[in-house]
């Protein structure tokens, strides 16, 4: 299995992309980059600009807000999806607890994928609606 096909599998599990077909997921996967993160490294910082989306391949990270731990994330988890939709500020800090491997999808590459496949936009709205519905049922 090639790395890009692995990335496609990881992206397919992200609720935002749940309505996308294989071709659309391939378009996104080819725009991702694989990076290694050292334990202790801050990946994103609360209140700073948001320009990328991340999926955890290996390792664990702490998610904190206002200095308080709110979650531990690991393989298959993702963060930063709001950065794909707007350029607002980060709402949490994510710090690697262990060495990590993550894939990154920059916002500008995501926008290029949407320009090339405009129907994907509607599918992303469907994925976002599913996620909001699930969160609403939890709360």
Protein backbone atom coordinates (compact mmCIF):
# COMPACT_ATOMS: atom_id res chain seq x y z
CA UNK A 1 0.00 0.00 0.00
CA UNK A 2 1.39 3.39 -0.94
CA UNK A 3 1.50 6.26 1.52
CA UNK A 4 -1.03 8.26 -0.51
CA UNK A 5 -3.56 5.42 -0.37
CA UNK A 6 -3.02 5.28 3.40
CA UNK A 7 -3.69 9.02 3.57
CA UNK A 8 -6.88 8.49 1.57
CA UNK A 9 -8.05 5.91 4.14
CA UNK A 10 -7.36 8.32 7.00
CA UNK A 11 -9.16 11.18 5.27
CA UNK A 12 -12.17 8.94 4.55
CA UNK A 13 -12.66 8.53 8.34
CA UNK A 14 -12.90 12.30 8.92
CA UNK A 15 -16.58 13.29 9.32
CA UNK A 16 -16.10 16.46 7.25
CA UNK A 17 -15.13 14.27 4.27
CA UNK A 18 -17.64 11.46 4.92
CA UNK A 19 -19.78 12.26 1.85
CA UNK A 20 -16.82 12.50 -0.55
CA UNK A 21 -16.20 9.80 -3.14
CA UNK A 22 -12.84 8.09 -3.77
CA UNK A 23 -11.82 10.50 -6.54
CA UNK A 24 -12.45 13.49 -4.31
CA UNK A 25 -10.58 11.88 -1.43
CA UNK A 26 -7.67 11.12 -3.79
CA UNK A 27 -7.64 14.78 -4.80
CA UNK A 28 -7.31 15.76 -1.15
CA UNK A 29 -4.80 13.01 -0.31
CA UNK A 30 -2.41 14.10 -3.06
CA UNK A 31 -2.28 17.53 -1.45
CA UNK A 32 -1.26 16.27 1.99
CA UNK A 33 2.21 16.14 3.47
CA UNK A 34 3.57 13.71 6.03
CA UNK A 35 5.53 15.22 8.91
CA UNK A 36 7.27 13.91 12.01
CA UNK A 37 6.79 15.70 15.33
CA UNK A 38 9.00 15.39 18.42
CA UNK A 39 7.52 14.79 21.87
CA UNK A 40 6.89 18.12 23.58
CA UNK A 41 6.51 20.07 20.35
CA UNK A 42 3.52 22.42 20.08
CA UNK A 43 1.76 21.64 16.80
CA UNK A 44 -0.82 24.43 16.95
CA UNK A 45 -1.31 27.17 19.51
CA UNK A 46 -4.59 28.57 20.78
CA UNK A 47 -5.44 32.10 19.51
CA UNK A 48 -2.94 31.91 16.62
CA UNK A 49 -3.79 31.87 12.92
CA UNK A 50 -5.26 28.69 11.50
CA UNK A 51 -4.04 27.54 8.08
CA UNK A 52 -3.83 23.72 8.18
CA UNK A 53 -5.78 20.57 9.02
CA UNK A 54 -4.08 17.55 10.63
CA UNK A 55 -4.71 13.80 10.93
CA UNK A 56 -2.74 11.76 13.48
CA UNK A 57 -1.10 8.66 11.99
CA UNK A 58 1.07 7.67 14.96
CA UNK A 59 1.62 8.96 18.49
CA UNK A 60 -0.41 10.95 20.98
CA UNK A 61 -1.02 14.62 21.68
CA UNK A 62 -2.70 16.70 24.35
CA UNK A 63 -5.41 19.18 23.39
CA UNK A 64 -5.72 22.09 25.82
CA UNK A 65 -7.80 25.25 26.11
CA UNK A 66 -6.81 28.07 28.41
CA UNK A 67 -4.02 25.82 29.73
CA UNK A 68 -6.40 23.01 30.75
CA UNK A 69 -6.31 19.56 29.16
CA UNK A 70 -9.53 18.80 27.32
CA UNK A 71 -8.52 15.68 25.39
CA UNK A 72 -5.80 13.24 24.43
CA UNK A 73 -5.76 12.35 20.74
CA UNK A 74 -4.07 9.52 18.90
CA UNK A 75 -4.01 7.57 15.64
CA UNK A 76 -7.04 8.25 13.48
CA UNK A 77 -7.93 11.44 15.33
CA UNK A 78 -7.81 14.80 13.59
CA UNK A 79 -7.78 18.49 14.45
CA UNK A 80 -7.85 21.86 12.78
CA UNK A 81 -10.72 21.18 10.37
CA UNK A 82 -12.15 24.66 10.96
CA UNK A 83 -8.97 26.07 9.41
CA UNK A 84 -10.08 24.56 6.10
CA UNK A 85 -13.30 26.55 6.21
CA UNK A 86 -12.10 29.91 7.52
CA UNK A 87 -8.96 31.65 8.62
CA UNK A 88 -10.06 32.26 12.17
CA UNK A 89 -7.89 31.78 15.21
CA UNK A 90 -7.16 28.37 16.72
CA UNK A 91 -9.49 27.44 19.57
CA UNK A 92 -7.02 25.05 21.26
CA UNK A 93 -3.36 24.19 21.67
CA UNK A 94 -2.19 20.74 20.57
CA UNK A 95 1.11 19.48 22.00
CA UNK A 96 2.78 16.17 21.15
CA UNK A 97 3.04 13.84 24.15
CA UNK A 98 5.05 11.27 22.19
CA UNK A 99 6.89 11.33 18.89
CA UNK A 100 4.21 11.62 16.22
CA UNK A 101 3.59 11.20 12.54
CA UNK A 102 0.80 13.38 11.16
CA UNK A 103 -0.50 14.31 7.77
CA UNK A 104 -1.16 17.96 7.02
CA UNK A 105 -3.57 19.49 4.52
CA UNK A 106 -2.94 23.23 4.06
CA UNK A 107 -5.99 25.45 3.55
CA UNK A 108 -4.76 26.80 0.19
CA UNK A 109 -4.36 23.26 -1.18
CA UNK A 110 -7.82 22.37 0.11
CA UNK A 111 -9.23 25.42 -1.72
CA UNK A 112 -7.52 24.31 -4.95
CA UNK A 113 -9.16 20.88 -4.60
CA UNK A 114 -12.56 22.59 -4.24
CA UNK A 115 -11.88 24.75 -7.30
CA UNK A 116 -11.11 21.62 -9.32
CA UNK A 117 -14.15 19.71 -8.02
CA UNK A 118 -16.86 22.22 -7.09
CA UNK A 119 -19.40 19.47 -6.30
CA UNK A 120 -17.20 18.50 -3.38
CA UNK A 121 -18.30 21.69 -1.60
CA UNK A 122 -21.86 20.41 -1.21
CA UNK A 123 -20.55 17.07 0.06
CA UNK A 124 -18.42 18.88 2.63
CA UNK A 125 -21.50 20.74 3.83
CA UNK A 126 -23.23 17.37 4.21
CA UNK A 127 -20.28 16.06 6.23
CA UNK A 128 -20.30 19.17 8.40
CA UNK A 129 -24.06 18.84 9.00
CA UNK A 130 -23.58 15.20 10.07
CA UNK A 131 -20.87 16.24 12.50
CA UNK A 132 -22.97 19.05 13.97
CA UNK A 133 -25.94 16.70 14.33
CA UNK A 134 -23.78 14.13 16.15
CA UNK A 135 -22.36 16.79 18.48
CA UNK A 136 -25.84 18.11 19.17
CA UNK A 137 -27.03 14.62 20.14
CA UNK A 138 -24.06 14.22 22.52
CA UNK A 139 -24.79 17.48 24.32
